[in-house]
Amino acid sequence: MVSEHQIVALVEQLERKIGLLKDVYDDAKRRIRQLESQNNDLNNRLKEQQTQTKELQKKLDNSEKKVLKSKDFGIIVSTNLSETDTNAELKKQLDEYIRELERCIAHLSSLS
């Protein structure tokens, strides 16, 4: 037969284990709340970034449309080149076009 002392020891041991289990449970609940909060924050940031991406894509599309709607670049270049006579002037004009293209590319890159 089990003595009263053994029963008390078993009950105390059970109470300790229940206390430990409750602590583990409380920690798990706290961690779940923390992760849910973090998940909500990340979802909100994702929505904001998706909205921003859509806006930037619209701006890029509009910029591309404006570029396509502008006058034919070939005609502009040939008209301007026919006005220059020497190779040095051609090289200078070509360098200016390259710088202008680089500025346009930098501008388009800043939109994305």
N, C-alpha and C. Protein backbone atom coordinates (compact mmCIF):
# COMPACT_ATOMS: atom_id res chain seq x y z
N MET A 1 0.84 -1.18 0.00
CA MET A 1 0.00 0.00 0.00
C MET A 1 0.89 1.25 0.00
N VAL A 2 0.40 2.29 -0.67
CA VAL A 2 1.15 3.53 -0.81
C VAL A 2 0.93 4.37 0.43
N SER A 3 2.04 4.88 0.94
CA SER A 3 1.94 5.68 2.16
C SER A 3 1.48 7.10 1.82
N GLU A 4 1.05 7.78 2.86
CA GLU A 4 0.57 9.16 2.70
C GLU A 4 1.72 10.06 2.23
N HIS A 5 2.91 9.79 2.72
CA HIS A 5 4.08 10.57 2.34
C HIS A 5 4.36 10.43 0.84
N GLN A 6 4.23 9.22 0.31
CA GLN A 6 4.45 8.98 -1.11
C GLN A 6 3.38 9.70 -1.96
N ILE A 7 2.16 9.69 -1.47
CA ILE A 7 1.07 10.36 -2.19
C ILE A 7 1.34 11.86 -2.24
N VAL A 8 1.76 12.43 -1.11
CA VAL A 8 2.06 13.86 -1.05
C VAL A 8 3.20 14.18 -2.01
N ALA A 9 4.24 13.34 -2.04
CA ALA A 9 5.38 13.55 -2.94
C ALA A 9 4.94 13.49 -4.40
N LEU A 10 4.08 12.55 -4.73
CA LEU A 10 3.57 12.43 -6.10
C LEU A 10 2.73 13.64 -6.49
N VAL A 11 1.90 14.11 -5.56
CA VAL A 11 1.07 15.28 -5.82
C VAL A 11 1.95 16.51 -6.04
N GLU A 12 2.98 16.67 -5.20
CA GLU A 12 3.89 17.82 -5.36
C GLU A 12 4.64 17.74 -6.69
N GLN A 13 5.06 16.54 -7.04
CA GLN A 13 5.75 16.35 -8.33
C GLN A 13 4.80 16.67 -9.49
N LEU A 14 3.56 16.25 -9.38
CA LEU A 14 2.56 16.53 -10.40
C LEU A 14 2.29 18.03 -10.50
N GLU A 15 2.22 18.71 -9.35
CA GLU A 15 2.00 20.16 -9.34
C GLU A 15 3.15 20.89 -10.01
N ARG A 16 4.40 20.45 -9.76
CA ARG A 16 5.56 21.06 -10.42
C ARG A 16 5.49 20.87 -11.93
N LYS A 17 5.15 19.68 -12.35
CA LYS A 17 5.05 19.40 -13.79
C LYS A 17 3.93 20.22 -14.43
N ILE A 18 2.82 20.36 -13.72
CA ILE A 18 1.71 21.18 -14.23
C ILE A 18 2.16 22.63 -14.35
N GLY A 19 2.90 23.12 -13.35
CA GLY A 19 3.42 24.49 -13.39
C GLY A 19 4.35 24.70 -14.57
N LEU A 20 5.25 23.73 -14.79
CA LEU A 20 6.16 23.82 -15.94
C LEU A 20 5.39 23.79 -17.26
N LEU A 21 4.41 22.91 -17.32
CA LEU A 21 3.60 22.81 -18.53
C LEU A 21 2.83 24.11 -18.78
N LYS A 22 2.32 24.73 -17.71
CA LYS A 22 1.61 26.00 -17.84
C LYS A 22 2.56 27.09 -18.35
N ASP A 23 3.80 27.10 -17.84
CA ASP A 23 4.79 28.07 -18.31
C ASP A 23 5.09 27.88 -19.80
N VAL A 24 5.25 26.64 -20.20
CA VAL A 24 5.50 26.35 -21.62
C VAL A 24 4.32 26.80 -22.46
N TYR A 25 3.12 26.54 -21.98
CA TYR A 25 1.90 26.95 -22.69
C TYR A 25 1.82 28.47 -22.81
N ASP A 26 2.09 29.18 -21.71
CA ASP A 26 2.06 30.65 -21.73
C ASP A 26 3.11 31.21 -22.69
N ASP A 27 4.31 30.63 -22.68
CA ASP A 27 5.35 31.07 -23.61
C ASP A 27 4.93 30.84 -25.06
N ALA A 28 4.30 29.69 -25.32
CA ALA A 28 3.85 29.38 -26.67
C ALA A 28 2.77 30.37 -27.12
N LYS A 29 1.83 30.69 -26.22
CA LYS A 29 0.78 31.66 -26.56
C LYS A 29 1.37 33.04 -26.84
N ARG A 30 2.34 33.43 -26.03
CA ARG A 30 3.00 34.73 -26.22
C ARG A 30 3.73 34.76 -27.57
N ARG A 31 4.40 33.67 -27.88
CA ARG A 31 5.13 33.57 -29.16
C ARG A 31 4.16 33.60 -30.34
N ILE A 32 3.02 32.94 -30.20
CA ILE A 32 2.00 32.94 -31.26
C ILE A 32 1.50 34.36 -31.49
N ARG A 33 1.21 35.08 -30.41
CA ARG A 33 0.75 36.48 -30.56
C ARG A 33 1.81 37.33 -31.24
N GLN A 34 3.06 37.12 -30.84
CA GLN A 34 4.16 37.88 -31.44
C GLN A 34 4.28 37.57 -32.94
N LEU A 35 4.20 36.29 -33.29
CA LEU A 35 4.31 35.91 -34.70
C LEU A 35 3.11 36.40 -35.52
N GLU A 36 1.92 36.37 -34.93
CA GLU A 36 0.75 36.89 -35.64
C GLU A 36 0.88 38.39 -35.89
N SER A 37 1.39 39.10 -34.90
CA SER A 37 1.60 40.54 -35.06
C SER A 37 2.64 40.81 -36.15
N GLN A 38 3.72 40.06 -36.11
CA GLN A 38 4.76 40.21 -37.13
C GLN A 38 4.21 39.87 -38.51
N ASN A 39 3.40 38.83 -38.59
CA ASN A 39 2.79 38.43 -39.86
C ASN A 39 1.89 39.54 -40.40
N ASN A 40 1.09 40.15 -39.52
CA ASN A 40 0.23 41.25 -39.95
C ASN A 40 1.05 42.43 -40.46
N ASP A 41 2.13 42.75 -39.74
CA ASP A 41 3.00 43.85 -40.17
C ASP A 41 3.61 43.56 -41.54
N LEU A 42 4.07 42.34 -41.72
CA LEU A 42 4.67 41.97 -43.01
C LEU A 42 3.64 41.99 -44.13
N ASN A 43 2.42 41.54 -43.84
CA ASN A 43 1.37 41.59 -44.86
C ASN A 43 1.04 43.02 -45.24
N ASN A 44 1.00 43.91 -44.25
CA ASN A 44 0.75 45.33 -44.54
C ASN A 44 1.86 45.92 -45.39
N ARG A 45 3.11 45.61 -45.04
CA ARG A 45 4.24 46.10 -45.84
C ARG A 45 4.19 45.56 -47.26
N LEU A 46 3.80 44.29 -47.39
CA LEU A 46 3.70 43.68 -48.72
C LEU A 46 2.65 44.40 -49.55
N LYS A 47 1.49 44.68 -48.95
CA LYS A 47 0.44 45.40 -49.67
C LYS A 47 0.91 46.77 -50.11
N GLU A 48 1.62 47.48 -49.20
CA GLU A 48 2.14 48.80 -49.54
C GLU A 48 3.13 48.72 -50.70
N GLN A 49 4.00 47.73 -50.65
CA GLN A 49 5.00 47.58 -51.71
C GLN A 49 4.35 47.17 -53.02
N GLN A 50 3.31 46.34 -52.96
CA GLN A 50 2.60 45.98 -54.19
C GLN A 50 1.92 47.20 -54.80
N THR A 51 1.33 48.03 -53.95
CA THR A 51 0.71 49.26 -54.43
C THR A 51 1.75 50.17 -55.05
N GLN A 52 2.87 50.31 -54.37
CA GLN A 52 3.95 51.16 -54.89
C GLN A 52 4.48 50.60 -56.21
N THR A 53 4.61 49.29 -56.30
CA THR A 53 5.08 48.67 -57.54
C THR A 53 4.11 48.95 -58.68
N LYS A 54 2.81 48.85 -58.40
CA LYS A 54 1.81 49.14 -59.44
C LYS A 54 1.90 50.59 -59.89
N GLU A 55 2.07 51.50 -58.93
CA GLU A 55 2.18 52.92 -59.28
C GLU A 55 3.42 53.18 -60.13
N LEU A 56 4.53 52.58 -59.73
CA LEU A 56 5.76 52.77 -60.50
C LEU A 56 5.66 52.15 -61.89
N GLN A 57 4.96 51.01 -61.98
CA GLN A 57 4.78 50.37 -63.29
C GLN A 57 3.92 51.27 -64.19
N LYS A 58 2.89 51.89 -63.61
CA LYS A 58 2.07 52.82 -64.39
C LYS A 58 2.89 53.99 -64.88
N LYS A 59 3.75 54.53 -63.99
CA LYS A 59 4.61 55.65 -64.39
C LYS A 59 5.55 55.23 -65.50
N LEU A 60 6.11 54.03 -65.38
CA LEU A 60 7.02 53.53 -66.41
C LEU A 60 6.29 53.35 -67.73
N ASP A 61 5.09 52.77 -67.67
CA ASP A 61 4.30 52.59 -68.89
C ASP A 61 3.98 53.93 -69.53
N ASN A 62 3.60 54.91 -68.71
CA ASN A 62 3.31 56.25 -69.24
C ASN A 62 4.55 56.88 -69.86
N SER A 63 5.70 56.69 -69.22
CA SER A 63 6.95 57.24 -69.75
C SER A 63 7.28 56.60 -71.09
N GLU A 64 7.09 55.27 -71.16
CA GLU A 64 7.37 54.57 -72.42
C GLU A 64 6.42 55.05 -73.52
N LYS A 65 5.16 55.29 -73.16
CA LYS A 65 4.21 55.79 -74.16
C LYS A 65 4.63 57.16 -74.66
N LYS A 66 5.09 58.01 -73.73
CA LYS A 66 5.53 59.34 -74.13
C LYS A 66 6.73 59.26 -75.06
N VAL A 67 7.64 58.34 -74.76
CA VAL A 67 8.81 58.18 -75.62
C VAL A 67 8.37 57.71 -77.01
N LEU A 68 7.45 56.77 -77.05
CA LEU A 68 6.98 56.26 -78.34
C LEU A 68 6.20 57.32 -79.11
N LYS A 69 5.51 58.21 -78.39
CA LYS A 69 4.72 59.24 -79.05
C LYS A 69 5.58 60.40 -79.54
N SER A 70 6.80 60.52 -79.00
CA SER A 70 7.64 61.64 -79.43
C SER A 70 8.01 61.47 -80.89
N LYS A 71 8.50 62.53 -81.47
CA LYS A 71 8.83 62.51 -82.89
C LYS A 71 9.83 61.41 -83.18
N ASP A 72 9.84 60.99 -84.40
CA ASP A 72 10.73 59.91 -84.82
C ASP A 72 12.17 60.33 -84.57
N PHE A 73 12.87 59.55 -83.73
CA PHE A 73 14.24 59.89 -83.38
C PHE A 73 15.16 59.85 -84.60
N GLY A 74 14.91 58.94 -85.49
CA GLY A 74 15.75 58.85 -86.69
C GLY A 74 15.70 60.11 -87.51
N ILE A 75 14.53 60.70 -87.65
CA ILE A 75 14.39 61.94 -88.41
C ILE A 75 15.13 63.07 -87.71
N ILE A 76 15.00 63.13 -86.38
CA ILE A 76 15.68 64.17 -85.61
C ILE A 76 17.19 64.04 -85.78
N VAL A 77 17.68 62.82 -85.63
CA VAL A 77 19.12 62.60 -85.74
C VAL A 77 19.62 62.94 -87.14
N SER A 78 18.92 62.45 -88.16
CA SER A 78 19.39 62.71 -89.53
C SER A 78 19.32 64.20 -89.87
N THR A 79 18.32 64.89 -89.38
CA THR A 79 18.21 66.33 -89.61
C THR A 79 19.37 67.06 -88.95
N ASN A 80 19.63 66.71 -87.70
CA ASN A 80 20.71 67.38 -86.97
C ASN A 80 22.08 67.01 -87.53
N LEU A 81 22.24 65.77 -87.96
CA LEU A 81 23.53 65.36 -88.50
C LEU A 81 23.80 66.01 -89.85
N SER A 82 22.77 66.25 -90.64
CA SER A 82 22.99 66.86 -91.94
C SER A 82 23.47 68.30 -91.81
N GLU A 83 23.20 68.90 -90.66
CA GLU A 83 23.64 70.27 -90.42
C GLU A 83 25.11 70.34 -90.04
N THR A 84 25.70 69.24 -89.62
CA THR A 84 27.11 69.23 -89.23
C THR A 84 27.95 68.75 -90.39
N ASP A 85 29.13 69.35 -90.55
CA ASP A 85 29.93 69.04 -91.73
C ASP A 85 31.15 68.18 -91.44
N THR A 86 31.85 68.42 -90.39
CA THR A 86 33.12 67.73 -90.18
C THR A 86 32.95 66.56 -89.24
N ASN A 87 33.97 65.69 -89.26
CA ASN A 87 33.96 64.52 -88.37
C ASN A 87 33.98 64.94 -86.91
N ALA A 88 34.70 65.98 -86.59
CA ALA A 88 34.76 66.46 -85.20
C ALA A 88 33.38 66.90 -84.74
N GLU A 89 32.67 67.60 -85.61
CA GLU A 89 31.32 68.04 -85.25
C GLU A 89 30.39 66.84 -85.10
N LEU A 90 30.55 65.86 -85.98
CA LEU A 90 29.73 64.64 -85.88
C LEU A 90 30.00 63.93 -84.55
N LYS A 91 31.28 63.83 -84.20
CA LYS A 91 31.64 63.17 -82.95
C LYS A 91 31.07 63.94 -81.76
N LYS A 92 31.17 65.24 -81.78
CA LYS A 92 30.64 66.07 -80.70
C LYS A 92 29.12 65.89 -80.59
N GLN A 93 28.44 65.90 -81.73
CA GLN A 93 26.99 65.73 -81.73
C GLN A 93 26.61 64.34 -81.21
N LEU A 94 27.37 63.33 -81.63
CA LEU A 94 27.11 61.97 -81.17
C LEU A 94 27.32 61.86 -79.66
N ASP A 95 28.36 62.49 -79.14
CA ASP A 95 28.59 62.50 -77.69
C ASP A 95 27.43 63.14 -76.94
N GLU A 96 26.89 64.21 -77.49
CA GLU A 96 25.74 64.87 -76.87
C GLU A 96 24.52 63.94 -76.84
N TYR A 97 24.30 63.22 -77.95
CA TYR A 97 23.19 62.27 -77.99
C TYR A 97 23.38 61.17 -76.95
N ILE A 98 24.61 60.69 -76.83
CA ILE A 98 24.88 59.63 -75.86
C ILE A 98 24.62 60.13 -74.45
N ARG A 99 25.07 61.33 -74.12
CA ARG A 99 24.81 61.89 -72.78
C ARG A 99 23.31 62.04 -72.53
N GLU A 100 22.60 62.49 -73.55
CA GLU A 100 21.15 62.65 -73.41
C GLU A 100 20.47 61.29 -73.18
N LEU A 101 20.92 60.28 -73.92
CA LEU A 101 20.38 58.93 -73.72
C LEU A 101 20.69 58.43 -72.31
N GLU A 102 21.89 58.68 -71.81
CA GLU A 102 22.25 58.27 -70.46
C GLU A 102 21.38 58.97 -69.42
N ARG A 103 21.08 60.24 -69.63
CA ARG A 103 20.18 60.95 -68.71
C ARG A 103 18.78 60.33 -68.74
N CYS A 104 18.32 60.00 -69.95
CA CYS A 104 16.99 59.37 -70.07
C CYS A 104 16.96 58.02 -69.36
N ILE A 105 18.01 57.24 -69.56
CA ILE A 105 18.09 55.92 -68.91
C ILE A 105 18.13 56.08 -67.40
N ALA A 106 18.91 57.04 -66.91
CA ALA A 106 18.99 57.28 -65.47
C ALA A 106 17.63 57.69 -64.93
N HIS A 107 16.92 58.52 -65.68
CA HIS A 107 15.59 58.96 -65.25
C HIS A 107 14.63 57.77 -65.19
N LEU A 108 14.65 56.93 -66.22
CA LEU A 108 13.77 55.76 -66.23
C LEU A 108 14.15 54.80 -65.11
N SER A 109 15.43 54.67 -64.83
CA SER A 109 15.88 53.79 -63.75
C SER A 109 15.41 54.30 -62.40
N SER A 110 15.39 55.61 -62.24
CA SER A 110 14.95 56.17 -60.95
C SER A 110 13.46 55.97 -60.73
N LEU A 111 12.71 55.74 -61.79
CA LEU A 111 11.27 55.51 -61.65
C LEU A 111 10.97 54.11 -61.14
N SER A 112 11.90 53.18 -61.32
CA SER A 112 11.62 51.81 -60.90
C SER A 112 12.23 51.50 -59.58
